[in-house]
Amino acid sequence: MSEQEPIEAEGTQEQGPVIEEIKVAGRDLVKTVNDLIHEATVRRITVERKGRTLVDLPLPLGVAAGVVLGVYMPVFSAITGLGALLTGCTVRVERDAPAAE
């Protein structure tokens, strides 16, 4: 089984945001969240484990990734600590729907 495994994607181009769930090993949690923050289409990141929400990060429109990282640095410190202890988390990613062509 791969360490990052997409579970499900919801939504269509005509509807609102697309929601994707990614299964992540604990040691890859911080890298995965950091990579997602740098993507322009991501609007919300939620980290869950066994049905409980551990972290919910709304990413405001038009905010540079550096500013977001500065504001959420305490949260990332917590994720780093938890990531070493946790085995198998689900990262739920809410993205803007792709533009219709």
N, C-alpha and C. Protein backbone atom coordinates (compact mmCIF):
# COMPACT_ATOMS: atom_id res chain seq x y z
N MET A 1 0.85 -1.17 0.00
CA MET A 1 0.00 0.00 0.00
C MET A 1 0.89 1.23 0.00
N SER A 2 0.57 2.21 -0.82
CA SER A 2 1.37 3.43 -0.85
C SER A 2 1.12 4.26 0.40
N GLU A 3 2.08 5.15 0.66
CA GLU A 3 1.97 5.96 1.87
C GLU A 3 0.91 7.04 1.73
N GLN A 4 0.75 7.57 0.52
CA GLN A 4 -0.29 8.55 0.27
C GLN A 4 -1.26 7.94 -0.72
N GLU A 5 -2.47 7.74 -0.27
CA GLU A 5 -3.44 7.03 -1.08
C GLU A 5 -4.73 7.84 -1.13
N PRO A 6 -5.09 8.38 -2.32
CA PRO A 6 -6.36 9.10 -2.41
C PRO A 6 -7.52 8.16 -2.10
N ILE A 7 -8.44 8.64 -1.30
CA ILE A 7 -9.57 7.81 -0.90
C ILE A 7 -10.80 8.13 -1.74
N GLU A 8 -11.13 9.41 -1.83
CA GLU A 8 -12.38 9.74 -2.50
C GLU A 8 -12.33 11.19 -2.93
N ALA A 9 -13.04 11.52 -4.00
CA ALA A 9 -13.18 12.89 -4.45
C ALA A 9 -14.65 13.13 -4.73
N GLU A 10 -15.15 14.28 -4.30
CA GLU A 10 -16.55 14.62 -4.48
C GLU A 10 -16.67 15.92 -5.24
N GLY A 11 -17.84 16.17 -5.81
CA GLY A 11 -18.10 17.43 -6.48
C GLY A 11 -17.92 17.29 -7.98
N THR A 12 -18.46 18.25 -8.71
CA THR A 12 -18.29 18.29 -10.15
C THR A 12 -17.91 19.69 -10.55
N GLN A 13 -17.64 19.86 -11.84
CA GLN A 13 -17.24 21.18 -12.31
C GLN A 13 -18.38 22.18 -12.18
N GLU A 14 -19.63 21.72 -12.26
CA GLU A 14 -20.76 22.63 -12.17
C GLU A 14 -21.07 22.99 -10.72
N GLN A 15 -20.69 22.15 -9.78
CA GLN A 15 -21.02 22.38 -8.38
C GLN A 15 -19.91 23.15 -7.69
N GLY A 16 -20.02 23.26 -6.37
CA GLY A 16 -19.07 24.00 -5.56
C GLY A 16 -17.70 23.35 -5.51
N PRO A 17 -17.04 23.47 -4.37
CA PRO A 17 -15.67 22.98 -4.26
C PRO A 17 -15.56 21.46 -4.37
N VAL A 18 -14.38 21.03 -4.76
CA VAL A 18 -14.07 19.60 -4.86
C VAL A 18 -13.39 19.19 -3.56
N ILE A 19 -13.84 18.09 -2.96
CA ILE A 19 -13.26 17.62 -1.71
C ILE A 19 -12.55 16.30 -1.98
N GLU A 20 -11.29 16.25 -1.55
CA GLU A 20 -10.46 15.07 -1.76
C GLU A 20 -9.95 14.59 -0.40
N GLU A 21 -9.94 13.30 -0.18
CA GLU A 21 -9.40 12.74 1.06
C GLU A 21 -8.16 11.92 0.73
N ILE A 22 -7.09 12.17 1.47
CA ILE A 22 -5.81 11.49 1.24
C ILE A 22 -5.39 10.80 2.53
N LYS A 23 -5.10 9.52 2.45
CA LYS A 23 -4.60 8.75 3.60
C LYS A 23 -3.09 8.96 3.65
N VAL A 24 -2.57 9.42 4.81
CA VAL A 24 -1.16 9.78 4.94
C VAL A 24 -0.56 9.09 6.16
N ALA A 25 0.66 8.58 6.01
CA ALA A 25 1.39 8.03 7.15
C ALA A 25 1.82 9.19 8.05
N GLY A 26 1.94 8.94 9.35
CA GLY A 26 2.27 9.99 10.32
C GLY A 26 3.52 10.76 9.98
N ARG A 27 4.56 10.08 9.51
CA ARG A 27 5.83 10.76 9.24
C ARG A 27 5.75 11.68 8.02
N ASP A 28 4.75 11.48 7.14
CA ASP A 28 4.60 12.30 5.95
C ASP A 28 3.54 13.39 6.10
N LEU A 29 2.94 13.49 7.27
CA LEU A 29 1.83 14.42 7.49
C LEU A 29 2.24 15.87 7.27
N VAL A 30 3.34 16.29 7.87
CA VAL A 30 3.76 17.69 7.78
C VAL A 30 4.11 18.05 6.34
N LYS A 31 4.83 17.19 5.66
CA LYS A 31 5.21 17.47 4.27
C LYS A 31 3.97 17.59 3.38
N THR A 32 3.02 16.69 3.58
CA THR A 32 1.80 16.71 2.78
C THR A 32 1.03 18.00 2.99
N VAL A 33 0.84 18.41 4.25
CA VAL A 33 0.11 19.64 4.55
C VAL A 33 0.86 20.85 3.98
N ASN A 34 2.18 20.88 4.13
CA ASN A 34 2.98 21.98 3.62
C ASN A 34 2.86 22.08 2.10
N ASP A 35 2.92 20.95 1.40
CA ASP A 35 2.78 20.95 -0.06
C ASP A 35 1.40 21.45 -0.48
N LEU A 36 0.36 21.06 0.25
CA LEU A 36 -1.00 21.48 -0.09
C LEU A 36 -1.19 22.98 0.09
N ILE A 37 -0.55 23.56 1.10
CA ILE A 37 -0.69 25.00 1.35
C ILE A 37 -0.15 25.80 0.17
N HIS A 38 0.87 25.29 -0.48
CA HIS A 38 1.47 26.01 -1.60
C HIS A 38 0.68 25.90 -2.90
N GLU A 39 -0.35 25.06 -2.92
CA GLU A 39 -1.19 24.95 -4.11
C GLU A 39 -2.23 26.06 -4.10
N ALA A 40 -2.39 26.71 -5.24
CA ALA A 40 -3.26 27.88 -5.33
C ALA A 40 -4.74 27.55 -5.18
N THR A 41 -5.16 26.35 -5.52
CA THR A 41 -6.59 26.03 -5.53
C THR A 41 -7.12 25.52 -4.19
N VAL A 42 -6.25 25.27 -3.22
CA VAL A 42 -6.67 24.71 -1.93
C VAL A 42 -7.29 25.81 -1.07
N ARG A 43 -8.48 25.56 -0.53
CA ARG A 43 -9.18 26.54 0.30
C ARG A 43 -9.30 26.10 1.75
N ARG A 44 -9.24 24.81 2.04
CA ARG A 44 -9.34 24.33 3.42
C ARG A 44 -8.63 22.98 3.51
N ILE A 45 -7.90 22.80 4.62
CA ILE A 45 -7.23 21.53 4.89
C ILE A 45 -7.69 21.06 6.27
N THR A 46 -8.16 19.82 6.34
CA THR A 46 -8.59 19.24 7.61
C THR A 46 -7.83 17.94 7.82
N VAL A 47 -7.23 17.79 9.01
CA VAL A 47 -6.52 16.56 9.36
C VAL A 47 -7.38 15.80 10.35
N GLU A 48 -7.69 14.54 10.03
CA GLU A 48 -8.53 13.71 10.88
C GLU A 48 -7.83 12.41 11.21
N ARG A 49 -8.17 11.85 12.35
CA ARG A 49 -7.67 10.54 12.74
C ARG A 49 -8.79 9.84 13.51
N LYS A 50 -9.15 8.67 13.05
CA LYS A 50 -10.21 7.87 13.67
C LYS A 50 -11.50 8.66 13.84
N GLY A 51 -11.86 9.44 12.82
CA GLY A 51 -13.11 10.19 12.84
C GLY A 51 -13.09 11.49 13.62
N ARG A 52 -11.98 11.81 14.27
CA ARG A 52 -11.87 13.07 15.04
C ARG A 52 -11.06 14.08 14.25
N THR A 53 -11.52 15.31 14.21
CA THR A 53 -10.79 16.38 13.55
C THR A 53 -9.70 16.88 14.47
N LEU A 54 -8.45 16.78 14.02
CA LEU A 54 -7.31 17.24 14.80
C LEU A 54 -6.95 18.68 14.47
N VAL A 55 -6.96 19.01 13.18
CA VAL A 55 -6.60 20.36 12.73
C VAL A 55 -7.51 20.73 11.57
N ASP A 56 -8.01 21.97 11.59
CA ASP A 56 -8.83 22.49 10.50
C ASP A 56 -8.24 23.84 10.10
N LEU A 57 -7.65 23.91 8.90
CA LEU A 57 -6.98 25.13 8.45
C LEU A 57 -7.73 25.75 7.28
N PRO A 58 -8.47 26.83 7.50
CA PRO A 58 -9.06 27.54 6.36
C PRO A 58 -7.98 28.41 5.73
N LEU A 59 -7.87 28.38 4.41
CA LEU A 59 -6.88 29.19 3.71
C LEU A 59 -7.61 30.27 2.93
N PRO A 60 -7.53 31.52 3.38
CA PRO A 60 -8.27 32.62 2.75
C PRO A 60 -7.83 32.85 1.30
N LEU A 61 -8.77 33.33 0.49
CA LEU A 61 -8.47 33.64 -0.91
C LEU A 61 -7.45 34.76 -1.01
N GLY A 62 -6.53 34.62 -1.95
CA GLY A 62 -5.60 35.69 -2.25
C GLY A 62 -4.48 35.88 -1.24
N VAL A 63 -4.31 34.99 -0.30
CA VAL A 63 -3.26 35.15 0.70
C VAL A 63 -2.03 34.39 0.23
N ALA A 64 -0.87 35.04 0.28
CA ALA A 64 0.37 34.40 -0.13
C ALA A 64 0.72 33.27 0.82
N ALA A 65 1.36 32.24 0.31
CA ALA A 65 1.69 31.06 1.13
C ALA A 65 2.60 31.43 2.29
N GLY A 66 3.49 32.37 2.10
CA GLY A 66 4.40 32.77 3.19
C GLY A 66 3.65 33.38 4.36
N VAL A 67 2.65 34.18 4.08
CA VAL A 67 1.85 34.79 5.14
C VAL A 67 1.07 33.72 5.88
N VAL A 68 0.50 32.79 5.14
CA VAL A 68 -0.26 31.71 5.76
C VAL A 68 0.65 30.89 6.67
N LEU A 69 1.85 30.58 6.20
CA LEU A 69 2.78 29.82 7.02
C LEU A 69 3.13 30.57 8.30
N GLY A 70 3.30 31.88 8.21
CA GLY A 70 3.62 32.67 9.40
C GLY A 70 2.49 32.69 10.41
N VAL A 71 1.27 32.81 9.93
CA VAL A 71 0.11 32.87 10.81
C VAL A 71 -0.13 31.52 11.48
N TYR A 72 0.04 30.44 10.74
CA TYR A 72 -0.27 29.10 11.25
C TYR A 72 0.94 28.36 11.80
N MET A 73 2.07 29.04 12.03
CA MET A 73 3.27 28.36 12.51
C MET A 73 3.03 27.57 13.81
N PRO A 74 2.30 28.11 14.79
CA PRO A 74 2.04 27.30 16.00
C PRO A 74 1.27 26.01 15.68
N VAL A 75 0.36 26.09 14.73
CA VAL A 75 -0.40 24.90 14.34
C VAL A 75 0.53 23.88 13.70
N PHE A 76 1.45 24.35 12.86
CA PHE A 76 2.39 23.43 12.22
C PHE A 76 3.33 22.79 13.22
N SER A 77 3.67 23.51 14.26
CA SER A 77 4.48 22.92 15.32
C SER A 77 3.72 21.78 15.99
N ALA A 78 2.44 22.00 16.21
CA ALA A 78 1.62 20.94 16.81
C ALA A 78 1.50 19.75 15.87
N ILE A 79 1.32 20.01 14.58
CA ILE A 79 1.22 18.93 13.60
C ILE A 79 2.52 18.13 13.58
N THR A 80 3.65 18.83 13.65
CA THR A 80 4.94 18.14 13.65
C THR A 80 5.04 17.20 14.83
N GLY A 81 4.65 17.67 16.01
CA GLY A 81 4.69 16.82 17.20
C GLY A 81 3.74 15.65 17.09
N LEU A 82 2.54 15.91 16.61
CA LEU A 82 1.55 14.84 16.46
C LEU A 82 1.93 13.87 15.36
N GLY A 83 2.51 14.41 14.29
CA GLY A 83 2.86 13.57 13.14
C GLY A 83 3.82 12.46 13.50
N ALA A 84 4.72 12.73 14.43
CA ALA A 84 5.67 11.71 14.85
C ALA A 84 4.97 10.59 15.63
N LEU A 85 3.87 10.91 16.28
CA LEU A 85 3.17 9.93 17.11
C LEU A 85 2.04 9.20 16.39
N LEU A 86 1.45 9.87 15.43
CA LEU A 86 0.26 9.32 14.79
C LEU A 86 0.61 8.35 13.67
N THR A 87 -0.17 7.34 13.54
CA THR A 87 -0.04 6.42 12.41
C THR A 87 -1.34 6.46 11.64
N GLY A 88 -1.26 6.86 10.41
CA GLY A 88 -2.41 6.87 9.55
C GLY A 88 -3.42 7.95 9.85
N CYS A 89 -3.31 9.05 9.16
CA CYS A 89 -4.26 10.15 9.27
C CYS A 89 -4.93 10.34 7.92
N THR A 90 -6.06 10.99 7.93
CA THR A 90 -6.74 11.36 6.70
C THR A 90 -6.67 12.87 6.57
N VAL A 91 -6.17 13.34 5.43
CA VAL A 91 -6.12 14.77 5.14
C VAL A 91 -7.24 15.05 4.16
N ARG A 92 -8.20 15.87 4.56
CA ARG A 92 -9.31 16.27 3.69
C ARG A 92 -8.97 17.63 3.09
N VAL A 93 -8.97 17.70 1.77
CA VAL A 93 -8.58 18.91 1.05
C VAL A 93 -9.79 19.45 0.30
N GLU A 94 -10.13 20.70 0.54
CA GLU A 94 -11.21 21.36 -0.19
C GLU A 94 -10.56 22.30 -1.20
N ARG A 95 -10.86 22.09 -2.48
CA ARG A 95 -10.26 22.89 -3.55
C ARG A 95 -11.35 23.62 -4.32
N ASP A 96 -10.94 24.71 -4.99
CA ASP A 96 -11.85 25.37 -5.91
C ASP A 96 -12.12 24.42 -7.07
N ALA A 97 -13.34 24.44 -7.56
CA ALA A 97 -13.66 23.62 -8.72
C ALA A 97 -12.91 24.16 -9.93
N PRO A 98 -12.42 23.28 -10.81
CA PRO A 98 -11.73 23.76 -12.01
C PRO A 98 -12.66 24.58 -12.89
N ALA A 99 -12.09 25.57 -13.55
CA ALA A 99 -12.89 26.44 -14.41
C ALA A 99 -13.41 25.64 -15.61
N ALA A 100 -14.67 25.88 -15.96
CA ALA A 100 -15.25 25.20 -17.12
C ALA A 100 -14.63 25.77 -18.38
N GLU A 101 -14.30 24.88 -19.31
CA GLU A 101 -13.65 25.33 -20.55
C GLU A 101 -14.61 25.36 -21.69
